Amino acid sequence: MKEHYKGSLIIALVTAVGLLFLIASPAYAMHIAEGILPANWAALWYVVAFVFVIPGTYLIRRKTRDVKGLMPLLGLTGAAIFLISVFPVPVPVTGSSSHPSGTPLGAILVGPFISTVLGAIALLIQALFLAHGGISTWGANIMSMAVVGSFVGFGAFVLFWRLQAPIFVAAFAAGLLGDWATYATTSFELASALHGTGSLWGMFGAIALAFAPTQLPLGILEGLFTGGVVSIVYQRRPELLSRVIPYVFRAAPAASKEGS
């Protein structure tokens, strides 16, 4: 069994790395591009982001020791986050781009702290190999996509699940709200650093408005995708969910069972 798990993890990692060489550029400004944020703001977002990354790293070490077969799931989830978030829809006005996040799905599968770490790794690979984002802005991008996407998505899922919504609806809400929250945070990060003597909220509104034509429909698509994937996992391999985040799945609401 150990050999099987190692084989699955290797396949997931090789697939993700292989796609680095298959995905062609041009390199649009993915996430917040290198050099856009002043040094003080870039440093601030690093500090805030690593408040979540550090406990997430600890959880990975503890859970991979306690939960058998977790490593292949982490590898597949990390690869999914990378692939979902790697295709940009350029938004030239903001110096960034729209794209799905992937972290709401990751948070449902492995929990929000671990999803944050996997999102951070995906962002680092994209910055180093695909010119998407940057090293100076890595902290800000972790905060918007990995932290906010994971925790808002996970919170929405738990809320709807506890309200006995069908699992597809709960996961759809996670994907939708996690995606939109990611871009609200990106807009705030850009506005807070770049508004100068002008209005912070005026700049925030302008940037959010620039994202809206692409991000509103992308959020709906991410919700549909997240709902579909989580529904399939829950129907076919429910133990994958209950072993990693049992405090959510230990008691499945009756309405969710019927609607799943």
C-alpha atoms as a PDB file:
ATOM      1  CA  MET A   1       0.000   0.000   0.000  1.00  0.00           C
ATOM      2  CA  LYS A   2       2.825   2.411   0.781  1.00  0.00           C
ATOM      3  CA  GLU A   3       4.251   1.836  -2.688  1.00  0.00           C
ATOM      4  CA  HIS A   4       0.823   2.566  -4.176  1.00  0.00           C
ATOM      5  CA  TYR A   5       0.544   5.856  -2.278  1.00  0.00           C
ATOM      6  CA  LYS A   6       4.060   6.886  -3.272  1.00  0.00           C
ATOM      7  CA  GLY A   7       3.307   6.046  -6.875  1.00  0.00           C
ATOM      8  CA  SER A   8       0.141   8.167  -6.858  1.00  0.00           C
ATOM      9  CA  LEU A   9       2.007  11.114  -5.350  1.00  0.00           C
ATOM     10  CA  ILE A  10       4.820  10.850  -7.885  1.00  0.00           C
ATOM     11  CA  ILE A  11       2.316  10.761 -10.760  1.00  0.00           C
ATOM     12  CA  ALA A  12       0.572  13.895  -9.433  1.00  0.00           C
ATOM     13  CA  LEU A  13       3.834  15.802  -9.028  1.00  0.00           C
ATOM     14  CA  VAL A  14       5.212  14.731 -12.404  1.00  0.00           C
ATOM     15  CA  THR A  15       1.957  15.763 -14.078  1.00  0.00           C
ATOM     16  CA  ALA A  16       2.078  19.233 -12.494  1.00  0.00           C
ATOM     17  CA  VAL A  17       5.756  19.768 -13.316  1.00  0.00           C
ATOM     18  CA  GLY A  18       5.310  18.425 -16.822  1.00  0.00           C
ATOM     19  CA  LEU A  19       2.568  20.914 -17.513  1.00  0.00           C
ATOM     20  CA  LEU A  20       5.012  23.702 -16.669  1.00  0.00           C
ATOM     21  CA  PHE A  21       6.708  22.893 -19.948  1.00  0.00           C
ATOM     22  CA  LEU A  22       3.540  22.306 -21.949  1.00  0.00           C
ATOM     23  CA  ILE A  23       1.751  25.545 -21.047  1.00  0.00           C
ATOM     24  CA  ALA A  24       2.906  28.173 -23.489  1.00  0.00           C
ATOM     25  CA  SER A  25       3.348  31.859 -22.799  1.00  0.00           C
ATOM     26  CA  PRO A  26       2.989  34.906 -23.458  1.00  0.00           C
ATOM     27  CA  ALA A  27       3.326  35.755 -19.811  1.00  0.00           C
ATOM     28  CA  TYR A  28       0.488  38.037 -18.848  1.00  0.00           C
ATOM     29  CA  ALA A  29       0.486  39.705 -15.447  1.00  0.00           C
ATOM     30  CA  MET A  30      -0.814  36.826 -13.362  1.00  0.00           C
ATOM     31  CA  HIS A  31      -1.796  37.608  -9.783  1.00  0.00           C
ATOM     32  CA  ILE A  32      -0.044  40.803  -8.598  1.00  0.00           C
ATOM     33  CA  ALA A  33       3.025  41.176 -10.780  1.00  0.00           C
ATOM     34  CA  GLU A  34       6.599  41.710  -9.640  1.00  0.00           C
ATOM     35  CA  GLY A  35       7.425  45.271  -8.606  1.00  0.00           C
ATOM     36  CA  ILE A  36       3.882  46.641  -8.415  1.00  0.00           C
ATOM     37  CA  LEU A  37       3.761  46.877  -4.612  1.00  0.00           C
ATOM     38  CA  PRO A  38       6.096  49.209  -2.689  1.00  0.00           C
ATOM     39  CA  ALA A  39       8.589  47.386  -0.441  1.00  0.00           C
ATOM     40  CA  ASN A  40       6.800  48.254   2.822  1.00  0.00           C
ATOM     41  CA  TRP A  41       3.466  46.892   1.601  1.00  0.00           C
ATOM     42  CA  ALA A  42       5.097  43.796   0.109  1.00  0.00           C
ATOM     43  CA  ALA A  43       6.792  43.101   3.451  1.00  0.00           C
ATOM     44  CA  LEU A  44       3.549  43.614   5.382  1.00  0.00           C
ATOM     45  CA  TRP A  45       1.687  41.047   3.310  1.00  0.00           C
ATOM     46  CA  TYR A  46       4.542  38.576   3.757  1.00  0.00           C
ATOM     47  CA  VAL A  47       4.184  38.839   7.533  1.00  0.00           C
ATOM     48  CA  VAL A  48       0.390  38.481   7.483  1.00  0.00           C
ATOM     49  CA  ALA A  49       0.486  35.568   5.017  1.00  0.00           C
ATOM     50  CA  PHE A  50       3.012  33.575   7.012  1.00  0.00           C
ATOM     51  CA  VAL A  51       0.817  33.812  10.102  1.00  0.00           C
ATOM     52  CA  PHE A  52      -1.285  31.240   8.205  1.00  0.00           C
ATOM     53  CA  VAL A  53       1.447  29.389   6.290  1.00  0.00           C
ATOM     54  CA  ILE A  54       3.438  28.414   9.385  1.00  0.00           C
ATOM     55  CA  PRO A  55       0.583  26.618  11.237  1.00  0.00           C
ATOM     56  CA  GLY A  56      -0.455  25.086   7.913  1.00  0.00           C
ATOM     57  CA  THR A  57       3.019  23.591   7.532  1.00  0.00           C
ATOM     58  CA  TYR A  58       2.809  22.196  11.062  1.00  0.00           C
ATOM     59  CA  LEU A  59      -0.599  20.650  10.293  1.00  0.00           C
ATOM     60  CA  ILE A  60       0.783  18.944   7.194  1.00  0.00           C
ATOM     61  CA  ARG A  61       3.562  17.355   9.239  1.00  0.00           C
ATOM     62  CA  ARG A  62       1.146  16.213  11.937  1.00  0.00           C
ATOM     63  CA  LYS A  63      -1.629  14.960   9.670  1.00  0.00           C
ATOM     64  CA  THR A  64       0.678  13.074   7.307  1.00  0.00           C
ATOM     65  CA  ARG A  65       1.906  11.228  10.390  1.00  0.00           C
ATOM     66  CA  ASP A  66      -1.581  10.546  11.790  1.00  0.00           C
ATOM     67  CA  VAL A  67      -3.715  10.061   8.644  1.00  0.00           C
ATOM     68  CA  LYS A  68      -2.690   7.139   6.453  1.00  0.00           C
ATOM     69  CA  GLY A  69      -2.736   7.788   2.736  1.00  0.00           C
ATOM     70  CA  LEU A  70      -2.847  11.582   3.061  1.00  0.00           C
ATOM     71  CA  MET A  71       0.231  12.344   0.959  1.00  0.00           C
ATOM     72  CA  PRO A  72      -1.328  11.332  -2.393  1.00  0.00           C
ATOM     73  CA  LEU A  73      -4.373  13.489  -1.594  1.00  0.00           C
ATOM     74  CA  LEU A  74      -2.111  16.445  -0.798  1.00  0.00           C
ATOM     75  CA  GLY A  75      -0.212  15.915  -4.042  1.00  0.00           C
ATOM     76  CA  LEU A  76      -3.382  15.724  -6.130  1.00  0.00           C
ATOM     77  CA  THR A  77      -4.943  18.716  -4.361  1.00  0.00           C
ATOM     78  CA  GLY A  78      -1.809  20.802  -4.830  1.00  0.00           C
ATOM     79  CA  ALA A  79      -1.681  19.870  -8.513  1.00  0.00           C
ATOM     80  CA  ALA A  80      -5.365  20.792  -8.881  1.00  0.00           C
ATOM     81  CA  ILE A  81      -4.833  24.218  -7.259  1.00  0.00           C
ATOM     82  CA  PHE A  82      -1.854  24.835  -9.525  1.00  0.00           C
ATOM     83  CA  LEU A  83      -3.703  23.865 -12.703  1.00  0.00           C
ATOM     84  CA  ILE A  84      -6.936  25.680 -11.854  1.00  0.00           C
ATOM     85  CA  SER A  85      -5.143  28.939 -11.034  1.00  0.00           C
ATOM     86  CA  VAL A  86      -2.600  28.929 -13.863  1.00  0.00           C
ATOM     87  CA  PHE A  87      -4.735  30.190 -16.771  1.00  0.00           C
ATOM     88  CA  PRO A  88      -4.946  34.000 -16.791  1.00  0.00           C
ATOM     89  CA  VAL A  89      -7.558  36.321 -18.252  1.00  0.00           C
ATOM     90  CA  PRO A  90      -5.625  39.626 -18.503  1.00  0.00           C
ATOM     91  CA  VAL A  91      -7.034  42.774 -16.869  1.00  0.00           C
ATOM     92  CA  PRO A  92      -4.573  45.432 -18.102  1.00  0.00           C
ATOM     93  CA  VAL A  93      -6.044  48.292 -16.026  1.00  0.00           C
ATOM     94  CA  THR A  94      -5.077  46.626 -12.743  1.00  0.00           C
ATOM     95  CA  GLY A  95      -1.655  45.250 -13.668  1.00  0.00           C
ATOM     96  CA  SER A  96      -3.017  41.823 -12.750  1.00  0.00           C
ATOM     97  CA  SER A  97      -5.341  39.210 -14.204  1.00  0.00           C
ATOM     98  CA  SER A  98      -8.472  37.248 -13.532  1.00  0.00           C
ATOM     99  CA  HIS A  99      -8.355  33.489 -13.075  1.00  0.00           C
ATOM    100  CA  PRO A 100      -9.997  30.780 -10.975  1.00  0.00           C
ATOM    101  CA  SER A 101      -8.449  30.260  -7.542  1.00  0.00           C
ATOM    102  CA  GLY A 102      -8.697  26.526  -6.832  1.00  0.00           C
ATOM    103  CA  THR A 103      -8.139  27.080  -3.124  1.00  0.00           C
ATOM    104  CA  PRO A 104     -11.831  26.843  -2.101  1.00  0.00           C
ATOM    105  CA  LEU A 105     -11.841  23.306  -3.507  1.00  0.00           C
ATOM    106  CA  GLY A 106      -8.527  22.594  -1.810  1.00  0.00           C
ATOM    107  CA  ALA A 107      -9.871  23.830   1.530  1.00  0.00           C
ATOM    108  CA  ILE A 108     -12.840  21.449   1.366  1.00  0.00           C
ATOM    109  CA  LEU A 109     -10.605  18.493   0.516  1.00  0.00           C
ATOM    110  CA  VAL A 110      -7.759  19.057   3.001  1.00  0.00           C
ATOM    111  CA  GLY A 111      -8.777  21.952   5.279  1.00  0.00           C
ATOM    112  CA  PRO A 112      -8.059  25.694   4.937  1.00  0.00           C
ATOM    113  CA  PHE A 113      -4.649  25.839   6.627  1.00  0.00           C
ATOM    114  CA  ILE A 114      -3.210  23.040   4.495  1.00  0.00           C
ATOM    115  CA  SER A 115      -4.861  24.499   1.388  1.00  0.00           C
ATOM    116  CA  THR A 116      -3.092  27.772   2.197  1.00  0.00           C
ATOM    117  CA  VAL A 117       0.290  26.034   2.115  1.00  0.00           C
ATOM    118  CA  LEU A 118      -0.536  24.232  -1.139  1.00  0.00           C
ATOM    119  CA  GLY A 119      -1.696  27.513  -2.661  1.00  0.00           C
ATOM    120  CA  ALA A 120       1.522  29.211  -1.547  1.00  0.00           C
ATOM    121  CA  ILE A 121       3.589  26.471  -3.216  1.00  0.00           C
ATOM    122  CA  ALA A 122       1.559  26.789  -6.442  1.00  0.00           C
ATOM    123  CA  LEU A 123       2.081  30.562  -6.445  1.00  0.00           C
ATOM    124  CA  LEU A 124       5.824  30.175  -5.889  1.00  0.00           C
ATOM    125  CA  ILE A 125       6.162  27.731  -8.804  1.00  0.00           C
ATOM    126  CA  GLN A 126       4.144  30.049 -11.038  1.00  0.00           C
ATOM    127  CA  ALA A 127       6.324  33.026 -10.072  1.00  0.00           C
ATOM    128  CA  LEU A 128       9.607  31.169 -10.599  1.00  0.00           C
ATOM    129  CA  PHE A 129       8.812  29.290 -13.818  1.00  0.00           C
ATOM    130  CA  LEU A 130       5.905  31.062 -15.537  1.00  0.00           C
ATOM    131  CA  ALA A 131       6.458  34.748 -14.669  1.00  0.00           C
ATOM    132  CA  HIS A 132       3.017  34.789 -13.037  1.00  0.00           C
ATOM    133  CA  GLY A 133       3.107  36.969  -9.944  1.00  0.00           C
ATOM    134  CA  GLY A 134       6.482  37.643  -8.373  1.00  0.00           C
ATOM    135  CA  ILE A 135       8.763  36.980  -5.441  1.00  0.00           C
ATOM    136  CA  SER A 136       8.320  40.436  -3.902  1.00  0.00           C
ATOM    137  CA  THR A 137       4.540  40.103  -4.221  1.00  0.00           C
ATOM    138  CA  TRP A 138       4.406  36.446  -3.190  1.00  0.00           C
ATOM    139  CA  GLY A 139       3.119  37.337   0.295  1.00  0.00           C
ATOM    140  CA  ALA A 140       0.301  39.492  -1.092  1.00  0.00           C
ATOM    141  CA  ASN A 141      -0.671  36.797  -3.582  1.00  0.00           C
ATOM    142  CA  ILE A 142      -0.631  34.147  -0.844  1.00  0.00           C
ATOM    143  CA  MET A 143      -2.899  36.339   1.237  1.00  0.00           C
ATOM    144  CA  SER A 144      -5.478  36.920  -1.498  1.00  0.00           C
ATOM    145  CA  MET A 145      -5.613  33.558  -3.277  1.00  0.00           C
ATOM    146  CA  ALA A 146      -4.317  31.038  -0.740  1.00  0.00           C
ATOM    147  CA  VAL A 147      -5.479  32.462   2.601  1.00  0.00           C
ATOM    148  CA  VAL A 148      -8.666  34.346   1.732  1.00  0.00           C
ATOM    149  CA  GLY A 149      -9.703  31.913  -1.004  1.00  0.00           C
ATOM    150  CA  SER A 150      -9.246  28.960   1.347  1.00  0.00           C
ATOM    151  CA  PHE A 151     -10.847  30.389   4.472  1.00  0.00           C
ATOM    152  CA  VAL A 152     -13.780  32.176   2.829  1.00  0.00           C
ATOM    153  CA  GLY A 153     -14.483  29.131   0.664  1.00  0.00           C
ATOM    154  CA  PHE A 154     -14.234  26.758   3.601  1.00  0.00           C
ATOM    155  CA  GLY A 155     -16.359  29.000   5.814  1.00  0.00           C
ATOM    156  CA  ALA A 156     -19.069  29.242   3.151  1.00  0.00           C
ATOM    157  CA  PHE A 157     -19.050  25.474   2.691  1.00  0.00           C
ATOM    158  CA  VAL A 158     -19.369  24.770   6.421  1.00  0.00           C
ATOM    159  CA  LEU A 159     -22.140  27.354   6.816  1.00  0.00           C
ATOM    160  CA  PHE A 160     -24.267  25.960   3.979  1.00  0.00           C
ATOM    161  CA  TRP A 161     -23.514  22.368   5.013  1.00  0.00           C
ATOM    162  CA  ARG A 162     -24.616  23.022   8.584  1.00  0.00           C
ATOM    163  CA  LEU A 163     -27.786  24.678   7.210  1.00  0.00           C
ATOM    164  CA  GLN A 164     -28.476  21.300   5.537  1.00  0.00           C
ATOM    165  CA  ALA A 165     -27.960  22.496   1.986  1.00  0.00           C
ATOM    166  CA  PRO A 166     -27.206  19.775  -0.591  1.00  0.00           C
ATOM    167  CA  ILE A 167     -23.494  19.191  -0.840  1.00  0.00           C
ATOM    168  CA  PHE A 168     -23.385  20.578  -4.395  1.00  0.00           C
ATOM    169  CA  VAL A 169     -24.947  23.841  -3.217  1.00  0.00           C
ATOM    170  CA  ALA A 170     -22.563  24.104  -0.267  1.00  0.00           C
ATOM    171  CA  ALA A 171     -19.533  23.488  -2.485  1.00  0.00           C
ATOM    172  CA  PHE A 172     -20.872  25.837  -5.183  1.00  0.00           C
ATOM    173  CA  ALA A 173     -21.140  28.613  -2.583  1.00  0.00           C
ATOM    174  CA  ALA A 174     -17.581  27.850  -1.465  1.00  0.00           C
ATOM    175  CA  GLY A 175     -16.167  28.136  -4.983  1.00  0.00           C
ATOM    176  CA  LEU A 176     -18.178  31.232  -5.851  1.00  0.00           C
ATOM    177  CA  LEU A 177     -17.573  33.232  -2.664  1.00  0.00           C
ATOM    178  CA  GLY A 178     -13.961  32.097  -2.288  1.00  0.00           C
ATOM    179  CA  ASP A 179     -13.224  33.215  -5.843  1.00  0.00           C
ATOM    180  CA  TRP A 180     -14.897  36.604  -5.455  1.00  0.00           C
ATOM    181  CA  ALA A 181     -13.292  37.170  -2.055  1.00  0.00           C
ATOM    182  CA  THR A 182      -9.876  36.505  -3.597  1.00  0.00           C
ATOM    183  CA  TYR A 183     -10.394  39.361  -6.033  1.00  0.00           C
ATOM    184  CA  ALA A 184     -11.872  41.703  -3.479  1.00  0.00           C
ATOM    185  CA  THR A 185      -8.685  41.145  -1.453  1.00  0.00           C
ATOM    186  CA  THR A 186      -6.446  41.651  -4.489  1.00  0.00           C
ATOM    187  CA  SER A 187      -8.281  44.893  -5.225  1.00  0.00           C
ATOM    188  CA  PHE A 188      -7.773  46.049  -1.641  1.00  0.00           C
ATOM    189  CA  GLU A 189      -4.075  45.132  -1.685  1.00  0.00           C
ATOM    190  CA  LEU A 190      -3.524  47.132  -4.862  1.00  0.00           C
ATOM    191  CA  ALA A 191      -5.631  50.076  -3.723  1.00  0.00           C
ATOM    192  CA  SER A 192      -4.052  50.330  -0.272  1.00  0.00           C
ATOM    193  CA  ALA A 193      -0.556  50.481  -1.767  1.00  0.00           C
ATOM    194  CA  LEU A 194      -1.261  52.643  -4.812  1.00  0.00           C
ATOM    195  CA  HIS A 195      -3.979  55.151  -3.915  1.00  0.00           C
ATOM    196  CA  GLY A 196      -1.439  57.827  -2.924  1.00  0.00           C
ATOM    197  CA  THR A 197      -3.197  61.002  -1.812  1.00  0.00           C
ATOM    198  CA  GLY A 198      -6.439  59.902  -3.419  1.00  0.00           C
ATOM    199  CA  SER A 199      -9.314  57.989  -1.878  1.00  0.00           C
ATOM    200  CA  LEU A 200      -8.518  54.428  -0.806  1.00  0.00           C
ATOM    201  CA  TRP A 201     -12.077  53.276  -1.349  1.00  0.00           C
ATOM    202  CA  GLY A 202     -12.367  55.170  -4.632  1.00  0.00           C
ATOM    203  CA  MET A 203      -9.290  53.329  -5.913  1.00  0.00           C
ATOM    204  CA  PHE A 204     -10.622  50.050  -4.503  1.00  0.00           C
ATOM    205  CA  GLY A 205     -13.911  50.525  -6.330  1.00  0.00           C
ATOM    206  CA  ALA A 206     -12.171  51.332  -9.610  1.00  0.00           C
ATOM    207  CA  ILE A 207      -9.947  48.251  -9.434  1.00  0.00           C
ATOM    208  CA  ALA A 208     -12.809  45.975  -8.376  1.00  0.00           C
ATOM    209  CA  LEU A 209     -14.887  47.339 -11.250  1.00  0.00           C
ATOM    210  CA  ALA A 210     -12.063  46.574 -13.679  1.00  0.00           C
ATOM    211  CA  PHE A 211     -12.015  42.961 -12.486  1.00  0.00           C
ATOM    212  CA  ALA A 212     -15.810  42.547 -12.538  1.00  0.00           C
ATOM    213  CA  PRO A 213     -16.467  41.737 -16.244  1.00  0.00           C
ATOM    214  CA  THR A 214     -14.139  38.729 -16.126  1.00  0.00           C
ATOM    215  CA  GLN A 215     -14.264  37.729 -12.478  1.00  0.00           C
ATOM    216  CA  LEU A 216     -18.025  37.620 -11.935  1.00  0.00           C
ATOM    217  CA  PRO A 217     -18.583  34.863 -14.539  1.00  0.00           C
ATOM    218  CA  LEU A 218     -15.338  33.117 -13.552  1.00  0.00           C
ATOM    219  CA  GLY A 219     -16.602  32.943  -9.977  1.00  0.00           C
ATOM    220  CA  ILE A 220     -19.793  31.247 -11.144  1.00  0.00           C
ATOM    221  CA  LEU A 221     -17.797  28.766 -13.216  1.00  0.00           C
ATOM    222  CA  GLU A 222     -15.500  28.032 -10.274  1.00  0.00           C
ATOM    223  CA  GLY A 223     -18.562  27.460  -8.097  1.00  0.00           C
ATOM    224  CA  LEU A 224     -19.992  24.972 -10.577  1.00  0.00           C
ATOM    225  CA  PHE A 225     -16.666  23.172 -10.896  1.00  0.00           C
ATOM    226  CA  THR A 226     -16.129  23.027  -7.134  1.00  0.00           C
ATOM    227  CA  GLY A 227     -19.663  21.776  -6.567  1.00  0.00           C
ATOM    228  CA  GLY A 228     -19.258  19.049  -9.164  1.00  0.00           C
ATOM    229  CA  VAL A 229     -15.899  17.793  -7.902  1.00  0.00           C
ATOM    230  CA  VAL A 230     -16.885  17.761  -4.222  1.00  0.00           C
ATOM    231  CA  SER A 231     -20.168  16.002  -5.027  1.00  0.00           C
ATOM    232  CA  ILE A 232     -18.329  13.260  -6.919  1.00  0.00           C
ATOM    233  CA  VAL A 233     -15.765  12.831  -4.138  1.00  0.00           C
ATOM    234  CA  TYR A 234     -18.508  12.699  -1.493  1.00  0.00           C
ATOM    235  CA  GLN A 235     -20.457  10.072  -3.414  1.00  0.00           C
ATOM    236  CA  ARG A 236     -17.544   7.827  -4.378  1.00  0.00           C
ATOM    237  CA  ARG A 237     -14.854   8.363  -1.738  1.00  0.00           C
ATOM    238  CA  PRO A 238     -16.494  10.001   1.320  1.00  0.00           C
ATOM    239  CA  GLU A 239     -13.724   8.705   3.572  1.00  0.00           C
ATOM    240  CA  LEU A 240     -11.306  11.148   1.908  1.00  0.00           C
ATOM    241  CA  LEU A 241     -13.349  14.006   3.341  1.00  0.00           C
ATOM    242  CA  SER A 242     -14.211  12.507   6.721  1.00  0.00           C
ATOM    243  CA  ARG A 243     -10.625  11.505   7.543  1.00  0.00           C
ATOM    244  CA  VAL A 244      -9.117  14.919   6.883  1.00  0.00           C
ATOM    245  CA  ILE A 245     -11.790  17.242   8.305  1.00  0.00           C
ATOM    246  CA  PRO A 246     -13.975  14.923  10.445  1.00  0.00           C
ATOM    247  CA  TYR A 247     -15.438  17.770  12.526  1.00  0.00           C
ATOM    248  CA  VAL A 248     -17.350  18.832   9.403  1.00  0.00           C
ATOM    249  CA  PHE A 249     -18.294  15.464   7.941  1.00  0.00           C
ATOM    250  CA  ARG A 250     -18.788  13.303  11.005  1.00  0.00           C
ATOM    251  CA  ALA A 251     -22.537  14.016  10.928  1.00  0.00           C
ATOM    252  CA  ALA A 252     -23.930  14.426   7.436  1.00  0.00           C
ATOM    253  CA  PRO A 253     -27.186  16.442   7.357  1.00  0.00           C
ATOM    254  CA  ALA A 254     -30.103  14.456   6.005  1.00  0.00           C
ATOM    255  CA  ALA A 255     -30.945  17.064   3.387  1.00  0.00           C
ATOM    256  CA  SER A 256     -27.386  16.956   2.083  1.00  0.00           C
ATOM    257  CA  LYS A 257     -27.482  13.186   1.720  1.00  0.00           C
ATOM    258  CA  GLU A 258     -30.648  13.371  -0.271  1.00  0.00           C
ATOM    259  CA  GLY A 259     -29.399  16.162  -2.506  1.00  0.00           C
ATOM    260  CA  SER A 260     -25.904  14.828  -3.102  1.00  0.00           C
END
